[in-house]
């Protein structure tokens, strides 16, 4: 009986969108999910610092194999930036390096924010998890060692000043994965000439999932205790909701799950694009790649076996 129960749990696949509280690491949230569900295979798709709150997408069961695709999704944040003060970590955890007067208007902030929109080169913070010769940058920084970080190309789609209550500005940040909002805060302060750092961060959207989809961790823990946490489980197919899909017949599901190709009904506009192969019950069966010469879909990642 125990083995049968384990097998049933092991087959569960989907997404839990958690509203992470301040003070916990993303890994700690995943541990809560593993213990609460009894499912070992679980992982998040984009680290939130302990200081940050908001949308943390946790993949459960076979859906963890979607991680590389979901992690690359765009993100949206509400950032609280304190101007007039710089720190070595670019956030409130660091040592204050400088203080200066803040005599800036909302219009000046809005004008400066536009300079950071588009495809830009961003320097990661010294206190980050970037690896330098196998070591994390923040470990080297704490030891006082000197090292160089390489700038990274990111996309900042939109920046909007939501509120200006000197010396703090609340900014809506819509950006590509891998963007350091701490660096944006520091760079904004530098261009404004007064310095700045991040004092609060809330992720409002990650890929297809927003705060409206997220369950507070406290409520999820209560659901684990009651045994009805499944009501918060979102089908794995929705994790890539912006991808086109191909519905499979019963016979095609059997073909795809064994790695066989299926015909293309309508050639895709983008021949390089993959599709989600979905069963008639809405389950994610596989991710498939278009083969233009054969006019067939080739399964590349199979989830339904």
C-alpha atoms as a PDB file:
ATOM      1  CA  UNK A   1       0.000   0.000   0.000  1.00  0.00           C
ATOM      2  CA  UNK A   2       2.811   2.405   0.887  1.00  0.00           C
ATOM      3  CA  UNK A   3       4.543   1.704  -2.426  1.00  0.00           C
ATOM      4  CA  UNK A   4       1.319   2.333  -4.331  1.00  0.00           C
ATOM      5  CA  UNK A   5       0.851   5.680  -2.530  1.00  0.00           C
ATOM      6  CA  UNK A   6       4.427   6.705  -3.369  1.00  0.00           C
ATOM      7  CA  UNK A   7       3.914   5.858  -7.023  1.00  0.00           C
ATOM      8  CA  UNK A   8       0.763   7.959  -7.130  1.00  0.00           C
ATOM      9  CA  UNK A   9       2.562  10.923  -5.588  1.00  0.00           C
ATOM     10  CA  UNK A  10       5.526  10.416  -7.886  1.00  0.00           C
ATOM     11  CA  UNK A  11       3.205  10.760 -10.893  1.00  0.00           C
ATOM     12  CA  UNK A  12       1.796  14.132  -9.779  1.00  0.00           C
ATOM     13  CA  UNK A  13       3.040  16.924 -12.032  1.00  0.00           C
ATOM     14  CA  UNK A  14       2.226  20.610 -12.026  1.00  0.00           C
ATOM     15  CA  UNK A  15       2.926  24.103 -10.765  1.00  0.00           C
ATOM     16  CA  UNK A  16       2.477  25.710  -7.354  1.00  0.00           C
ATOM     17  CA  UNK A  17       2.660  29.501  -7.535  1.00  0.00           C
ATOM     18  CA  UNK A  18       3.680  30.699  -4.082  1.00  0.00           C
ATOM     19  CA  UNK A  19       3.556  34.222  -2.689  1.00  0.00           C
ATOM     20  CA  UNK A  20       6.904  34.048  -0.907  1.00  0.00           C
ATOM     21  CA  UNK A  21       7.111  35.966   2.361  1.00  0.00           C
ATOM     22  CA  UNK A  22      10.007  38.220   3.306  1.00  0.00           C
ATOM     23  CA  UNK A  23      12.663  36.488   5.400  1.00  0.00           C
ATOM     24  CA  UNK A  24      12.765  33.093   3.671  1.00  0.00           C
ATOM     25  CA  UNK A  25      15.093  31.878   0.962  1.00  0.00           C
ATOM     26  CA  UNK A  26      13.608  30.427  -2.204  1.00  0.00           C
ATOM     27  CA  UNK A  27      15.207  27.094  -1.318  1.00  0.00           C
ATOM     28  CA  UNK A  28      13.433  27.086   2.059  1.00  0.00           C
ATOM     29  CA  UNK A  29      10.091  27.542   0.284  1.00  0.00           C
ATOM     30  CA  UNK A  30      10.871  24.564  -1.963  1.00  0.00           C
ATOM     31  CA  UNK A  31      11.690  22.504   1.136  1.00  0.00           C
ATOM     32  CA  UNK A  32       8.290  23.383   2.608  1.00  0.00           C
ATOM     33  CA  UNK A  33       6.657  22.214  -0.640  1.00  0.00           C
ATOM     34  CA  UNK A  34       8.632  18.942  -0.663  1.00  0.00           C
ATOM     35  CA  UNK A  35       7.723  18.157   2.923  1.00  0.00           C
ATOM     36  CA  UNK A  36       4.100  19.213   2.521  1.00  0.00           C
ATOM     37  CA  UNK A  37       3.448  17.278  -0.686  1.00  0.00           C
ATOM     38  CA  UNK A  38       5.681  14.317   0.042  1.00  0.00           C
ATOM     39  CA  UNK A  39       7.113  14.750  -3.463  1.00  0.00           C
ATOM     40  CA  UNK A  40      10.893  14.874  -3.709  1.00  0.00           C
ATOM     41  CA  UNK A  41      11.065  16.333  -7.194  1.00  0.00           C
ATOM     42  CA  UNK A  42      10.370  20.028  -6.778  1.00  0.00           C
ATOM     43  CA  UNK A  43      12.268  23.175  -7.707  1.00  0.00           C
ATOM     44  CA  UNK A  44      11.751  26.905  -8.167  1.00  0.00           C
ATOM     45  CA  UNK A  45      12.257  28.784 -11.426  1.00  0.00           C
ATOM     46  CA  UNK A  46      13.981  31.994 -10.370  1.00  0.00           C
ATOM     47  CA  UNK A  47      15.540  32.901  -7.046  1.00  0.00           C
ATOM     48  CA  UNK A  48      14.024  35.598  -4.883  1.00  0.00           C
ATOM     49  CA  UNK A  49      16.347  37.047  -2.228  1.00  0.00           C
ATOM     50  CA  UNK A  50      15.263  36.568   1.414  1.00  0.00           C
ATOM     51  CA  UNK A  51      14.432  40.306   1.549  1.00  0.00           C
ATOM     52  CA  UNK A  52      12.091  39.998  -1.447  1.00  0.00           C
ATOM     53  CA  UNK A  53       8.510  38.734  -1.563  1.00  0.00           C
ATOM     54  CA  UNK A  54       6.071  37.773  -4.240  1.00  0.00           C
ATOM     55  CA  UNK A  55       5.653  35.287  -7.058  1.00  0.00           C
ATOM     56  CA  UNK A  56       7.820  32.182  -6.761  1.00  0.00           C
ATOM     57  CA  UNK A  57       6.965  29.492  -9.312  1.00  0.00           C
ATOM     58  CA  UNK A  58       7.597  25.992  -7.946  1.00  0.00           C
ATOM     59  CA  UNK A  59       7.511  23.047 -10.350  1.00  0.00           C
ATOM     60  CA  UNK A  60       6.447  19.723  -8.864  1.00  0.00           C
ATOM     61  CA  UNK A  61       7.059  16.176 -10.110  1.00  0.00           C
ATOM     62  CA  UNK A  62       7.962  15.595 -13.782  1.00  0.00           C
ATOM     63  CA  UNK A  63       7.166  19.281 -14.444  1.00  0.00           C
ATOM     64  CA  UNK A  64      10.620  20.150 -13.004  1.00  0.00           C
ATOM     65  CA  UNK A  65      11.957  19.298 -16.453  1.00  0.00           C
ATOM     66  CA  UNK A  66      10.325  22.517 -17.662  1.00  0.00           C
ATOM     67  CA  UNK A  67      12.623  24.536 -15.424  1.00  0.00           C
ATOM     68  CA  UNK A  68      15.048  25.719 -18.116  1.00  0.00           C
ATOM     69  CA  UNK A  69      12.158  27.153 -20.156  1.00  0.00           C
ATOM     70  CA  UNK A  70      10.140  28.666 -17.307  1.00  0.00           C
ATOM     71  CA  UNK A  71      13.234  30.153 -15.626  1.00  0.00           C
ATOM     72  CA  UNK A  72      13.967  32.126 -18.804  1.00  0.00           C
ATOM     73  CA  UNK A  73      10.574  33.860 -18.686  1.00  0.00           C
ATOM     74  CA  UNK A  74      10.252  37.617 -18.219  1.00  0.00           C
ATOM     75  CA  UNK A  75       9.737  39.032 -14.723  1.00  0.00           C
ATOM     76  CA  UNK A  76       7.912  42.021 -13.223  1.00  0.00           C
ATOM     77  CA  UNK A  77       8.643  43.712  -9.900  1.00  0.00           C
ATOM     78  CA  UNK A  78       7.673  46.593  -7.676  1.00  0.00           C
ATOM     79  CA  UNK A  79      10.936  48.006  -6.365  1.00  0.00           C
ATOM     80  CA  UNK A  80      11.372  50.459  -3.503  1.00  0.00           C
ATOM     81  CA  UNK A  81      14.514  52.505  -4.134  1.00  0.00           C
ATOM     82  CA  UNK A  82      15.985  54.805  -1.502  1.00  0.00           C
ATOM     83  CA  UNK A  83      17.870  57.666  -3.095  1.00  0.00           C
ATOM     84  CA  UNK A  84      20.653  59.619  -1.410  1.00  0.00           C
ATOM     85  CA  UNK A  85      22.366  56.585   0.077  1.00  0.00           C
ATOM     86  CA  UNK A  86      24.640  53.913  -1.397  1.00  0.00           C
ATOM     87  CA  UNK A  87      25.633  50.524   0.041  1.00  0.00           C
ATOM     88  CA  UNK A  88      28.237  47.951  -0.954  1.00  0.00           C
ATOM     89  CA  UNK A  89      25.565  45.317  -1.674  1.00  0.00           C
ATOM     90  CA  UNK A  90      23.221  47.740  -3.507  1.00  0.00           C
ATOM     91  CA  UNK A  91      20.496  46.872  -0.971  1.00  0.00           C
ATOM     92  CA  UNK A  92      19.605  47.446   2.670  1.00  0.00           C
ATOM     93  CA  UNK A  93      21.691  44.524   3.924  1.00  0.00           C
ATOM     94  CA  UNK A  94      24.981  46.197   3.067  1.00  0.00           C
ATOM     95  CA  UNK A  95      27.297  48.722   4.644  1.00  0.00           C
ATOM     96  CA  UNK A  96      26.456  52.338   3.891  1.00  0.00           C
ATOM     97  CA  UNK A  97      29.175  53.855   1.689  1.00  0.00           C
ATOM     98  CA  UNK A  98      27.855  57.372   1.130  1.00  0.00           C
ATOM     99  CA  UNK A  99      25.012  59.743   1.934  1.00  0.00           C
ATOM    100  CA  UNK A 100      23.955  62.865   0.072  1.00  0.00           C
ATOM    101  CA  UNK A 101      21.063  65.283  -0.095  1.00  0.00           C
ATOM    102  CA  UNK A 102      18.128  64.431  -2.346  1.00  0.00           C
ATOM    103  CA  UNK A 103      16.650  67.359  -4.240  1.00  0.00           C
ATOM    104  CA  UNK A 104      15.035  65.621  -7.191  1.00  0.00           C
ATOM    105  CA  UNK A 105      11.599  65.885  -8.791  1.00  0.00           C
ATOM    106  CA  UNK A 106       9.388  63.046  -9.959  1.00  0.00           C
ATOM    107  CA  UNK A 107       9.829  64.326 -13.520  1.00  0.00           C
ATOM    108  CA  UNK A 108      13.616  63.978 -13.242  1.00  0.00           C
ATOM    109  CA  UNK A 109      13.272  60.406 -12.024  1.00  0.00           C
ATOM    110  CA  UNK A 110      10.848  59.538 -14.833  1.00  0.00           C
ATOM    111  CA  UNK A 111      13.153  61.046 -17.434  1.00  0.00           C
ATOM    112  CA  UNK A 112      16.160  59.158 -16.071  1.00  0.00           C
ATOM    113  CA  UNK A 113      14.291  55.837 -15.955  1.00  0.00           C
ATOM    114  CA  UNK A 114      13.804  55.961 -19.735  1.00  0.00           C
ATOM    115  CA  UNK A 115      17.600  55.769 -20.128  1.00  0.00           C
ATOM    116  CA  UNK A 116      17.500  52.224 -18.740  1.00  0.00           C
ATOM    117  CA  UNK A 117      14.781  50.910 -21.040  1.00  0.00           C
ATOM    118  CA  UNK A 118      15.672  48.673 -23.961  1.00  0.00           C
ATOM    119  CA  UNK A 119      18.530  46.229 -24.408  1.00  0.00           C
ATOM    120  CA  UNK A 120      21.302  47.333 -22.068  1.00  0.00           C
ATOM    121  CA  UNK A 121      24.548  46.075 -20.549  1.00  0.00           C
ATOM    122  CA  UNK A 122      24.221  45.575 -16.813  1.00  0.00           C
ATOM    123  CA  UNK A 123      26.996  44.937 -14.287  1.00  0.00           C
ATOM    124  CA  UNK A 124      25.955  42.368 -11.659  1.00  0.00           C
ATOM    125  CA  UNK A 125      26.439  43.359  -8.002  1.00  0.00           C
ATOM    126  CA  UNK A 126      29.688  42.253  -6.368  1.00  0.00           C
ATOM    127  CA  UNK A 127      27.524  40.630  -3.688  1.00  0.00           C
ATOM    128  CA  UNK A 128      25.743  38.205  -6.015  1.00  0.00           C
ATOM    129  CA  UNK A 129      25.706  34.483  -6.701  1.00  0.00           C
ATOM    130  CA  UNK A 130      27.684  34.910  -9.930  1.00  0.00           C
ATOM    131  CA  UNK A 131      30.521  32.385 -10.004  1.00  0.00           C
ATOM    132  CA  UNK A 132      34.133  33.470 -10.345  1.00  0.00           C
ATOM    133  CA  UNK A 133      36.468  30.517 -10.913  1.00  0.00           C
ATOM    134  CA  UNK A 134      34.010  28.228  -9.173  1.00  0.00           C
ATOM    135  CA  UNK A 135      33.329  30.523  -6.210  1.00  0.00           C
ATOM    136  CA  UNK A 136      30.308  32.723  -5.637  1.00  0.00           C
ATOM    137  CA  UNK A 137      31.053  36.422  -5.998  1.00  0.00           C
ATOM    138  CA  UNK A 138      29.529  37.317  -2.620  1.00  0.00           C
ATOM    139  CA  UNK A 139      31.868  34.846  -0.880  1.00  0.00           C
ATOM    140  CA  UNK A 140      34.885  36.519  -2.454  1.00  0.00           C
ATOM    141  CA  UNK A 141      33.502  39.970  -1.658  1.00  0.00           C
ATOM    142  CA  UNK A 142      32.995  39.049   1.999  1.00  0.00           C
ATOM    143  CA  UNK A 143      36.604  37.834   2.163  1.00  0.00           C
ATOM    144  CA  UNK A 144      37.779  41.162   0.773  1.00  0.00           C
ATOM    145  CA  UNK A 145      39.220  39.601  -2.379  1.00  0.00           C
ATOM    146  CA  UNK A 146      39.418  41.604  -5.592  1.00  0.00           C
ATOM    147  CA  UNK A 147      37.784  40.239  -8.733  1.00  0.00           C
ATOM    148  CA  UNK A 148      36.144  41.405 -11.938  1.00  0.00           C
ATOM    149  CA  UNK A 149      32.620  40.705 -13.099  1.00  0.00           C
ATOM    150  CA  UNK A 150      31.544  40.758 -16.722  1.00  0.00           C
ATOM    151  CA  UNK A 151      28.569  42.907 -17.750  1.00  0.00           C
ATOM    152  CA  UNK A 152      25.533  41.019 -19.001  1.00  0.00           C
ATOM    153  CA  UNK A 153      23.076  42.001 -21.712  1.00  0.00           C
ATOM    154  CA  UNK A 154      19.512  42.283 -20.410  1.00  0.00           C
ATOM    155  CA  UNK A 155      16.195  43.614 -21.685  1.00  0.00           C
ATOM    156  CA  UNK A 156      14.283  46.213 -19.718  1.00  0.00           C
ATOM    157  CA  UNK A 157      10.892  46.500 -21.384  1.00  0.00           C
ATOM    158  CA  UNK A 158       9.343  49.169 -19.203  1.00  0.00           C
ATOM    159  CA  UNK A 159      10.091  51.241 -16.105  1.00  0.00           C
ATOM    160  CA  UNK A 160       7.394  53.334 -14.467  1.00  0.00           C
ATOM    161  CA  UNK A 161       7.546  55.561 -11.416  1.00  0.00           C
ATOM    162  CA  UNK A 162       4.514  54.627  -9.309  1.00  0.00           C
ATOM    163  CA  UNK A 163       5.192  56.826  -6.299  1.00  0.00           C
ATOM    164  CA  UNK A 164       7.769  59.408  -5.198  1.00  0.00           C
ATOM    165  CA  UNK A 165       7.879  60.028  -1.453  1.00  0.00           C
ATOM    166  CA  UNK A 166      11.377  61.440  -0.927  1.00  0.00           C
ATOM    167  CA  UNK A 167      13.796  59.856  -0.468  1.00  0.00           C
ATOM    168  CA  UNK A 168      12.023  56.677  -1.625  1.00  0.00           C
ATOM    169  CA  UNK A 169      10.699  55.895  -5.089  1.00  0.00           C
ATOM    170  CA  UNK A 170       8.454  52.954  -5.966  1.00  0.00           C
ATOM    171  CA  UNK A 171       9.184  51.737  -9.483  1.00  0.00           C
ATOM    172  CA  UNK A 172       7.426  49.140 -11.623  1.00  0.00           C
ATOM    173  CA  UNK A 173      10.106  47.072 -13.381  1.00  0.00           C
ATOM    174  CA  UNK A 174       9.285  44.822 -16.357  1.00  0.00           C
ATOM    175  CA  UNK A 175      12.436  43.015 -17.492  1.00  0.00           C
ATOM    176  CA  UNK A 176      14.029  39.873 -18.819  1.00  0.00           C
ATOM    177  CA  UNK A 177      15.154  37.020 -16.621  1.00  0.00           C
ATOM    178  CA  UNK A 178      18.578  37.579 -15.090  1.00  0.00           C
ATOM    179  CA  UNK A 179      18.075  41.288 -14.429  1.00  0.00           C
ATOM    180  CA  UNK A 180      19.446  42.534 -11.114  1.00  0.00           C
ATOM    181  CA  UNK A 181      16.976  45.100  -9.794  1.00  0.00           C
ATOM    182  CA  UNK A 182      19.595  46.004  -7.163  1.00  0.00           C
ATOM    183  CA  UNK A 183      21.918  47.083  -9.961  1.00  0.00           C
ATOM    184  CA  UNK A 184      19.139  49.123 -11.572  1.00  0.00           C
ATOM    185  CA  UNK A 185      18.578  50.897  -8.249  1.00  0.00           C
ATOM    186  CA  UNK A 186      22.278  51.647  -7.867  1.00  0.00           C
ATOM    187  CA  UNK A 187      22.663  52.787 -11.473  1.00  0.00           C
ATOM    188  CA  UNK A 188      19.593  55.027 -11.217  1.00  0.00           C
ATOM    189  CA  UNK A 189      21.033  56.740  -8.153  1.00  0.00           C
ATOM    190  CA  UNK A 190      24.381  57.185  -9.863  1.00  0.00           C
ATOM    191  CA  UNK A 191      22.872  58.855 -12.940  1.00  0.00           C
ATOM    192  CA  UNK A 192      20.735  61.105 -10.733  1.00  0.00           C
ATOM    193  CA  UNK A 193      23.906  62.122  -8.917  1.00  0.00           C
ATOM    194  CA  UNK A 194      22.765  61.255  -5.405  1.00  0.00           C
ATOM    195  CA  UNK A 195      23.284  57.507  -5.191  1.00  0.00           C
ATOM    196  CA  UNK A 196      20.667  54.934  -4.332  1.00  0.00           C
ATOM    197  CA  UNK A 197      19.992  51.388  -3.245  1.00  0.00           C
ATOM    198  CA  UNK A 198      17.146  48.880  -3.112  1.00  0.00           C
ATOM    199  CA  UNK A 199      15.218  48.660   0.153  1.00  0.00           C
ATOM    200  CA  UNK A 200      12.219  46.588  -0.907  1.00  0.00           C
ATOM    201  CA  UNK A 201      11.301  44.211  -3.727  1.00  0.00           C
ATOM    202  CA  UNK A 202       8.094  42.371  -4.593  1.00  0.00           C
ATOM    203  CA  UNK A 203       7.848  40.178  -7.672  1.00  0.00           C
ATOM    204  CA  UNK A 204       4.432  40.695  -9.197  1.00  0.00           C
ATOM    205  CA  UNK A 205       4.798  38.455 -12.254  1.00  0.00           C
ATOM    206  CA  UNK A 206       6.970  35.574 -13.405  1.00  0.00           C
ATOM    207  CA  UNK A 207       6.328  34.340 -16.921  1.00  0.00           C
ATOM    208  CA  UNK A 208       2.659  33.445 -17.244  1.00  0.00           C
ATOM    209  CA  UNK A 209       1.940  33.729 -13.513  1.00  0.00           C
ATOM    210  CA  UNK A 210       1.049  36.852 -11.546  1.00  0.00           C
ATOM    211  CA  UNK A 211       0.186  37.613  -7.923  1.00  0.00           C
ATOM    212  CA  UNK A 212      -3.459  36.775  -8.643  1.00  0.00           C
ATOM    213  CA  UNK A 213      -2.328  33.177  -9.282  1.00  0.00           C
ATOM    214  CA  UNK A 214      -0.182  32.976  -6.151  1.00  0.00           C
ATOM    215  CA  UNK A 215      -1.156  31.433  -2.831  1.00  0.00           C
ATOM    216  CA  UNK A 216       0.411  32.840   0.354  1.00  0.00           C
ATOM    217  CA  UNK A 217       2.815  30.291   1.830  1.00  0.00           C
ATOM    218  CA  UNK A 218       0.850  30.295   5.112  1.00  0.00           C
ATOM    219  CA  UNK A 219      -2.345  29.216   3.296  1.00  0.00           C
ATOM    220  CA  UNK A 220      -0.432  26.552   1.364  1.00  0.00           C
ATOM    221  CA  UNK A 221       0.965  25.139   4.621  1.00  0.00           C
ATOM    222  CA  UNK A 222      -2.593  24.993   6.018  1.00  0.00           C
ATOM    223  CA  UNK A 223      -3.653  23.102   2.895  1.00  0.00           C
ATOM    224  CA  UNK A 224      -0.813  20.617   3.434  1.00  0.00           C
ATOM    225  CA  UNK A 225      -2.141  20.006   6.964  1.00  0.00           C
ATOM    226  CA  UNK A 226      -5.714  19.536   5.696  1.00  0.00           C
ATOM    227  CA  UNK A 227      -4.584  17.387   2.777  1.00  0.00           C
ATOM    228  CA  UNK A 228      -6.329  19.493   0.118  1.00  0.00           C
ATOM    229  CA  UNK A 229      -3.289  21.267  -1.333  1.00  0.00           C
ATOM    230  CA  UNK A 230      -4.108  19.819  -4.770  1.00  0.00           C
ATOM    231  CA  UNK A 231      -6.621  22.644  -5.246  1.00  0.00           C
ATOM    232  CA  UNK A 232      -3.666  25.001  -5.731  1.00  0.00           C
ATOM    233  CA  UNK A 233      -1.877  22.774  -8.255  1.00  0.00           C
ATOM    234  CA  UNK A 234      -1.860  24.317 -11.736  1.00  0.00           C
ATOM    235  CA  UNK A 235      -1.477  22.021 -14.791  1.00  0.00           C
ATOM    236  CA  UNK A 236       2.085  21.891 -16.098  1.00  0.00           C
ATOM    237  CA  UNK A 237       0.909  22.940 -19.570  1.00  0.00           C
ATOM    238  CA  UNK A 238       0.034  26.407 -18.222  1.00  0.00           C
ATOM    239  CA  UNK A 239       3.651  27.054 -17.244  1.00  0.00           C
ATOM    240  CA  UNK A 240       4.365  27.671 -20.925  1.00  0.00           C
ATOM    241  CA  UNK A 241       1.024  29.243 -21.716  1.00  0.00           C
ATOM    242  CA  UNK A 242       2.564  31.637 -24.234  1.00  0.00           C
ATOM    243  CA  UNK A 243       3.769  28.716 -26.380  1.00  0.00           C
ATOM    244  CA  UNK A 244       1.568  27.445 -29.226  1.00  0.00           C
ATOM    245  CA  UNK A 245       0.025  24.022 -28.620  1.00  0.00           C
ATOM    246  CA  UNK A 246      -0.835  20.951 -30.661  1.00  0.00           C
ATOM    247  CA  UNK A 247      -3.672  18.797 -29.349  1.00  0.00           C
ATOM    248  CA  UNK A 248      -3.035  15.092 -29.771  1.00  0.00           C
ATOM    249  CA  UNK A 249      -5.529  12.353 -30.448  1.00  0.00           C
ATOM    250  CA  UNK A 250      -5.489   9.279 -28.185  1.00  0.00           C
ATOM    251  CA  UNK A 251      -3.443   7.398 -30.801  1.00  0.00           C
ATOM    252  CA  UNK A 252      -0.982  10.288 -31.190  1.00  0.00           C
ATOM    253  CA  UNK A 253      -0.413  10.456 -27.423  1.00  0.00           C
ATOM    254  CA  UNK A 254       0.808   6.877 -27.555  1.00  0.00           C
ATOM    255  CA  UNK A 255       3.067   7.683 -30.518  1.00  0.00           C
ATOM    256  CA  UNK A 256       4.583  10.791 -28.924  1.00  0.00           C
ATOM    257  CA  UNK A 257       5.183   9.207 -25.530  1.00  0.00           C
ATOM    258  CA  UNK A 258       7.341   6.629 -27.339  1.00  0.00           C
ATOM    259  CA  UNK A 259       9.256   9.331 -29.215  1.00  0.00           C
ATOM    260  CA  UNK A 260       7.536   8.968 -32.586  1.00  0.00           C
ATOM    261  CA  UNK A 261       6.773  11.947 -34.798  1.00  0.00           C
ATOM    262  CA  UNK A 262       3.321  13.241 -35.656  1.00  0.00           C
ATOM    263  CA  UNK A 263       2.270  15.173 -38.770  1.00  0.00           C
ATOM    264  CA  UNK A 264       2.055  18.964 -38.895  1.00  0.00           C
ATOM    265  CA  UNK A 265      -1.464  20.111 -39.706  1.00  0.00           C
ATOM    266  CA  UNK A 266      -0.601  23.808 -40.217  1.00  0.00           C
ATOM    267  CA  UNK A 267       3.079  24.818 -40.601  1.00  0.00           C
ATOM    268  CA  UNK A 268       4.069  27.281 -37.854  1.00  0.00           C
ATOM    269  CA  UNK A 269       4.808  30.903 -38.710  1.00  0.00           C
ATOM    270  CA  UNK A 270       8.115  30.580 -36.896  1.00  0.00           C
ATOM    271  CA  UNK A 271       9.765  27.349 -38.069  1.00  0.00           C
ATOM    272  CA  UNK A 272      12.219  27.478 -35.146  1.00  0.00           C
ATOM    273  CA  UNK A 273       9.414  27.447 -32.574  1.00  0.00           C
ATOM    274  CA  UNK A 274       8.503  24.433 -30.540  1.00  0.00           C
ATOM    275  CA  UNK A 275       4.990  23.545 -29.419  1.00  0.00           C
ATOM    276  CA  UNK A 276       3.381  22.027 -26.369  1.00  0.00           C
ATOM    277  CA  UNK A 277       1.844  18.659 -27.180  1.00  0.00           C
ATOM    278  CA  UNK A 278      -1.386  18.490 -25.173  1.00  0.00           C
ATOM    279  CA  UNK A 279      -3.690  15.521 -24.639  1.00  0.00           C
ATOM    280  CA  UNK A 280      -7.452  15.884 -25.057  1.00  0.00           C
ATOM    281  CA  UNK A 281      -7.621  15.950 -21.241  1.00  0.00           C
ATOM    282  CA  UNK A 282      -5.329  19.000 -21.157  1.00  0.00           C
ATOM    283  CA  UNK A 283      -2.230  17.176 -19.890  1.00  0.00           C
ATOM    284  CA  UNK A 284       1.210  18.205 -21.102  1.00  0.00           C
ATOM    285  CA  UNK A 285       2.516  15.218 -23.048  1.00  0.00           C
ATOM    286  CA  UNK A 286       5.703  16.611 -24.588  1.00  0.00           C
ATOM    287  CA  UNK A 287       7.555  19.542 -26.103  1.00  0.00           C
ATOM    288  CA  UNK A 288       7.952  19.083 -29.852  1.00  0.00           C
ATOM    289  CA  UNK A 289      10.184  20.657 -32.483  1.00  0.00           C
ATOM    290  CA  UNK A 290       9.093  21.399 -36.051  1.00  0.00           C
ATOM    291  CA  UNK A 291      10.967  19.554 -38.811  1.00  0.00           C
ATOM    292  CA  UNK A 292      10.247  21.608 -41.958  1.00  0.00           C
ATOM    293  CA  UNK A 293      11.573  19.121 -44.516  1.00  0.00           C
ATOM    294  CA  UNK A 294       9.500  16.243 -43.158  1.00  0.00           C
ATOM    295  CA  UNK A 295       6.571  18.495 -42.153  1.00  0.00           C
ATOM    296  CA  UNK A 296       6.389  16.654 -38.852  1.00  0.00           C
ATOM    297  CA  UNK A 297       6.627  17.389 -35.138  1.00  0.00           C
ATOM    298  CA  UNK A 298       9.508  15.638 -33.378  1.00  0.00           C
ATOM    299  CA  UNK A 299       9.102  15.029 -29.612  1.00  0.00           C
ATOM    300  CA  UNK A 300      12.123  16.438 -27.792  1.00  0.00           C
ATOM    301  CA  UNK A 301      10.987  16.262 -24.158  1.00  0.00           C
ATOM    302  CA  UNK A 302       8.354  13.767 -23.111  1.00  0.00           C
ATOM    303  CA  UNK A 303       6.498  14.195 -19.807  1.00  0.00           C
ATOM    304  CA  UNK A 304       3.661  11.700 -20.112  1.00  0.00           C
ATOM    305  CA  UNK A 305       5.017   8.148 -20.003  1.00  0.00           C
END
